[in-house]
Amino acid sequence: MNKAFHKILVVLALILATFLLVLLMFSLIRVHLDINMSSNGLIALFLGCFFSFVLVGVLTYLLFLSHQKGFDDQVIDPSSENKKK
């Protein structure tokens, strides 16, 4: 696939993420009005969700990076290291 297609996918993913973030914010505002939750609780909820998604994104990126570079294809045989010594 060419790089232009990847750029389009990245832009669409960012637009979707922004839409979902706005939707989350409106949902949190509605929840905050319906129940008695402190502002600190809402901030903790938002930060927990945000960093969970960031962690999932980073781990997924590392998974694809490892697959592309072939790190997961490299198998180390411990018995071969003992034979070299």
N, C-alpha and C. Protein backbone atom coordinates (compact mmCIF):
# COMPACT_ATOMS: atom_id res chain seq x y z
N MET A 1 0.85 -1.19 0.00
CA MET A 1 0.00 0.00 0.00
C MET A 1 0.89 1.24 0.00
N ASN A 2 0.42 2.27 -0.63
CA ASN A 2 1.25 3.46 -0.69
C ASN A 2 1.06 4.33 0.55
N LYS A 3 1.96 5.31 0.67
CA LYS A 3 1.96 6.15 1.87
C LYS A 3 0.77 7.10 1.92
N ALA A 4 0.24 7.48 0.78
CA ALA A 4 -0.92 8.37 0.77
C ALA A 4 -2.13 7.69 1.41
N PHE A 5 -2.29 6.40 1.14
CA PHE A 5 -3.40 5.65 1.74
C PHE A 5 -3.23 5.58 3.26
N HIS A 6 -1.99 5.38 3.72
CA HIS A 6 -1.75 5.33 5.17
C HIS A 6 -2.02 6.69 5.81
N LYS A 7 -1.67 7.77 5.12
CA LYS A 7 -1.94 9.10 5.67
C LYS A 7 -3.44 9.35 5.76
N ILE A 8 -4.18 8.90 4.77
CA ILE A 8 -5.63 9.06 4.80
C ILE A 8 -6.22 8.27 5.97
N LEU A 9 -5.71 7.05 6.19
CA LEU A 9 -6.19 6.25 7.31
C LEU A 9 -5.88 6.92 8.65
N VAL A 10 -4.70 7.51 8.77
CA VAL A 10 -4.32 8.19 10.01
C VAL A 10 -5.23 9.40 10.25
N VAL A 11 -5.50 10.16 9.21
CA VAL A 11 -6.38 11.32 9.35
C VAL A 11 -7.78 10.88 9.73
N LEU A 12 -8.29 9.83 9.10
CA LEU A 12 -9.63 9.33 9.46
C LEU A 12 -9.65 8.82 10.89
N ALA A 13 -8.58 8.16 11.33
CA ALA A 13 -8.51 7.67 12.71
C ALA A 13 -8.49 8.84 13.69
N LEU A 14 -7.78 9.91 13.35
CA LEU A 14 -7.76 11.09 14.23
C LEU A 14 -9.12 11.77 14.29
N ILE A 15 -9.80 11.84 13.17
CA ILE A 15 -11.15 12.42 13.15
C ILE A 15 -12.10 11.57 14.00
N LEU A 16 -12.00 10.26 13.86
CA LEU A 16 -12.84 9.37 14.67
C LEU A 16 -12.52 9.49 16.15
N ALA A 17 -11.23 9.57 16.49
CA ALA A 17 -10.84 9.72 17.89
C ALA A 17 -11.35 11.04 18.46
N THR A 18 -11.28 12.11 17.68
CA THR A 18 -11.79 13.40 18.13
C THR A 18 -13.29 13.35 18.35
N PHE A 19 -14.00 12.72 17.42
CA PHE A 19 -15.45 12.58 17.57
C PHE A 19 -15.80 11.79 18.83
N LEU A 20 -15.08 10.69 19.05
CA LEU A 20 -15.34 9.88 20.24
C LEU A 20 -14.99 10.62 21.52
N LEU A 21 -13.94 11.43 21.48
CA LEU A 21 -13.58 12.22 22.65
C LEU A 21 -14.65 13.26 22.97
N VAL A 22 -15.18 13.92 21.95
CA VAL A 22 -16.26 14.89 22.16
C VAL A 22 -17.50 14.18 22.69
N LEU A 23 -17.80 13.03 22.14
CA LEU A 23 -18.94 12.25 22.61
C LEU A 23 -18.75 11.83 24.07
N LEU A 24 -17.53 11.44 24.42
CA LEU A 24 -17.23 11.07 25.80
C LEU A 24 -17.41 12.27 26.73
N MET A 25 -16.95 13.43 26.30
CA MET A 25 -17.08 14.61 27.14
C MET A 25 -18.55 14.97 27.38
N PHE A 26 -19.37 14.90 26.32
CA PHE A 26 -20.80 15.17 26.50
C PHE A 26 -21.44 14.13 27.41
N SER A 27 -21.02 12.88 27.28
CA SER A 27 -21.57 11.83 28.15
C SER A 27 -21.18 12.06 29.59
N LEU A 28 -19.92 12.46 29.80
CA LEU A 28 -19.47 12.72 31.17
C LEU A 28 -20.20 13.91 31.78
N ILE A 29 -20.46 14.93 30.97
CA ILE A 29 -21.20 16.08 31.47
C ILE A 29 -22.62 15.66 31.86
N ARG A 30 -23.24 14.83 31.01
CA ARG A 30 -24.59 14.37 31.32
C ARG A 30 -24.60 13.49 32.58
N VAL A 31 -23.60 12.63 32.70
CA VAL A 31 -23.49 11.78 33.90
C VAL A 31 -23.26 12.64 35.13
N HIS A 32 -22.42 13.66 34.99
CA HIS A 32 -22.14 14.54 36.13
C HIS A 32 -23.39 15.26 36.59
N LEU A 33 -24.26 15.60 35.67
CA LEU A 33 -25.49 16.28 36.06
C LEU A 33 -26.50 15.31 36.68
N ASP A 34 -26.43 14.02 36.31
CA ASP A 34 -27.39 13.04 36.82
C ASP A 34 -27.01 12.48 38.19
N ILE A 35 -25.72 12.33 38.45
CA ILE A 35 -25.31 11.75 39.73
C ILE A 35 -24.41 12.73 40.46
N ASN A 36 -24.26 12.48 41.73
CA ASN A 36 -23.41 13.34 42.55
C ASN A 36 -21.99 12.78 42.56
N MET A 37 -21.20 13.21 41.59
CA MET A 37 -19.80 12.82 41.53
C MET A 37 -18.98 14.10 41.53
N SER A 38 -17.94 14.10 42.34
CA SER A 38 -17.13 15.32 42.43
C SER A 38 -16.34 15.53 41.14
N SER A 39 -15.87 16.73 40.98
CA SER A 39 -15.06 17.04 39.81
C SER A 39 -13.77 16.22 39.82
N ASN A 40 -13.23 15.97 41.00
CA ASN A 40 -12.02 15.15 41.10
C ASN A 40 -12.28 13.73 40.62
N GLY A 41 -13.46 13.21 40.92
CA GLY A 41 -13.81 11.87 40.45
C GLY A 41 -13.92 11.81 38.93
N LEU A 42 -14.51 12.84 38.34
CA LEU A 42 -14.61 12.89 36.87
C LEU A 42 -13.24 13.02 36.22
N ILE A 43 -12.38 13.83 36.83
CA ILE A 43 -11.03 13.98 36.29
C ILE A 43 -10.28 12.66 36.38
N ALA A 44 -10.42 11.96 37.51
CA ALA A 44 -9.76 10.67 37.67
C ALA A 44 -10.30 9.65 36.67
N LEU A 45 -11.60 9.66 36.44
CA LEU A 45 -12.21 8.77 35.46
C LEU A 45 -11.69 9.05 34.06
N PHE A 46 -11.65 10.33 33.69
CA PHE A 46 -11.16 10.72 32.37
C PHE A 46 -9.69 10.36 32.20
N LEU A 47 -8.86 10.66 33.18
CA LEU A 47 -7.43 10.36 33.08
C LEU A 47 -7.18 8.86 33.02
N GLY A 48 -7.93 8.10 33.79
CA GLY A 48 -7.77 6.65 33.75
C GLY A 48 -8.12 6.08 32.38
N CYS A 49 -9.22 6.54 31.81
CA CYS A 49 -9.60 6.08 30.47
C CYS A 49 -8.60 6.54 29.43
N PHE A 50 -8.17 7.80 29.52
CA PHE A 50 -7.24 8.35 28.54
C PHE A 50 -5.93 7.58 28.54
N PHE A 51 -5.34 7.38 29.71
CA PHE A 51 -4.05 6.70 29.76
C PHE A 51 -4.17 5.21 29.45
N SER A 52 -5.33 4.63 29.69
CA SER A 52 -5.55 3.24 29.28
C SER A 52 -5.53 3.13 27.76
N PHE A 53 -6.20 4.06 27.08
CA PHE A 53 -6.19 4.06 25.62
C PHE A 53 -4.80 4.36 25.07
N VAL A 54 -4.07 5.27 25.73
CA VAL A 54 -2.70 5.57 25.30
C VAL A 54 -1.83 4.32 25.43
N LEU A 55 -1.96 3.60 26.54
CA LEU A 55 -1.19 2.39 26.74
C LEU A 55 -1.52 1.33 25.69
N VAL A 56 -2.79 1.17 25.39
CA VAL A 56 -3.20 0.22 24.35
C VAL A 56 -2.62 0.63 23.00
N GLY A 57 -2.65 1.92 22.70
CA GLY A 57 -2.09 2.41 21.44
C GLY A 57 -0.59 2.17 21.34
N VAL A 58 0.13 2.45 22.42
CA VAL A 58 1.59 2.25 22.42
C VAL A 58 1.93 0.77 22.28
N LEU A 59 1.24 -0.08 22.99
CA LEU A 59 1.51 -1.52 22.90
C LEU A 59 1.17 -2.07 21.52
N THR A 60 0.09 -1.57 20.93
CA THR A 60 -0.26 -1.99 19.57
C THR A 60 0.79 -1.53 18.57
N TYR A 61 1.27 -0.29 18.74
CA TYR A 61 2.33 0.22 17.87
C TYR A 61 3.59 -0.64 18.00
N LEU A 62 3.96 -0.98 19.22
CA LEU A 62 5.14 -1.82 19.42
C LEU A 62 4.95 -3.20 18.81
N LEU A 63 3.74 -3.72 18.86
CA LEU A 63 3.46 -5.01 18.25
C LEU A 63 3.67 -4.96 16.74
N PHE A 64 3.12 -3.94 16.09
CA PHE A 64 3.30 -3.81 14.64
C PHE A 64 4.75 -3.50 14.27
N LEU A 65 5.42 -2.68 15.09
CA LEU A 65 6.82 -2.37 14.83
C LEU A 65 7.67 -3.63 14.94
N SER A 66 7.41 -4.43 15.94
CA SER A 66 8.15 -5.68 16.11
C SER A 66 7.91 -6.62 14.95
N HIS A 67 6.68 -6.67 14.47
CA HIS A 67 6.37 -7.54 13.34
C HIS A 67 7.05 -7.06 12.07
N GLN A 68 7.05 -5.74 11.84
CA GLN A 68 7.66 -5.20 10.62
C GLN A 68 9.18 -5.38 10.62
N LYS A 69 9.82 -5.19 11.76
CA LYS A 69 11.28 -5.29 11.84
C LYS A 69 11.74 -6.74 11.94
N GLY A 70 10.82 -7.66 12.22
CA GLY A 70 11.17 -9.07 12.29
C GLY A 70 11.73 -9.50 13.63
N PHE A 71 11.51 -8.69 14.67
CA PHE A 71 12.02 -9.06 15.99
C PHE A 71 11.35 -10.32 16.51
N ASP A 72 10.10 -10.53 16.14
CA ASP A 72 9.41 -11.72 16.62
C ASP A 72 9.81 -12.97 15.84
N ASP A 73 10.57 -12.81 14.76
CA ASP A 73 11.06 -13.97 14.00
C ASP A 73 12.39 -14.47 14.53
N GLN A 74 13.08 -13.65 15.29
CA GLN A 74 14.38 -14.03 15.82
C GLN A 74 14.19 -14.91 17.05
N VAL A 75 14.64 -16.13 16.93
CA VAL A 75 14.53 -17.07 18.05
C VAL A 75 15.93 -17.38 18.53
N ILE A 76 16.13 -17.24 19.81
CA ILE A 76 17.44 -17.53 20.39
C ILE A 76 17.39 -18.92 21.00
N ASP A 77 18.30 -19.76 20.56
CA ASP A 77 18.39 -21.12 21.08
C ASP A 77 19.42 -21.13 22.21
N PRO A 78 18.98 -21.32 23.46
CA PRO A 78 19.94 -21.28 24.57
C PRO A 78 21.01 -22.37 24.49
N SER A 79 20.68 -23.48 23.86
CA SER A 79 21.66 -24.56 23.79
C SER A 79 22.81 -24.21 22.85
N SER A 80 22.55 -23.36 21.83
CA SER A 80 23.62 -22.98 20.91
C SER A 80 24.61 -22.04 21.58
N GLU A 81 24.18 -21.25 22.57
CA GLU A 81 25.11 -20.36 23.27
C GLU A 81 26.06 -21.17 24.13
N ASN A 82 25.56 -22.28 24.73
CA ASN A 82 26.42 -23.10 25.56
C ASN A 82 27.47 -23.83 24.71
N LYS A 83 27.13 -24.15 23.48
CA LYS A 83 28.07 -24.86 22.61
C LYS A 83 29.20 -23.95 22.15
N LYS A 84 28.92 -22.66 22.04
CA LYS A 84 29.94 -21.71 21.60
C LYS A 84 30.99 -21.50 22.67
N LYS A 85 30.65 -21.66 23.93
CA LYS A 85 31.58 -21.40 25.03
C LYS A 85 32.56 -22.48 25.20
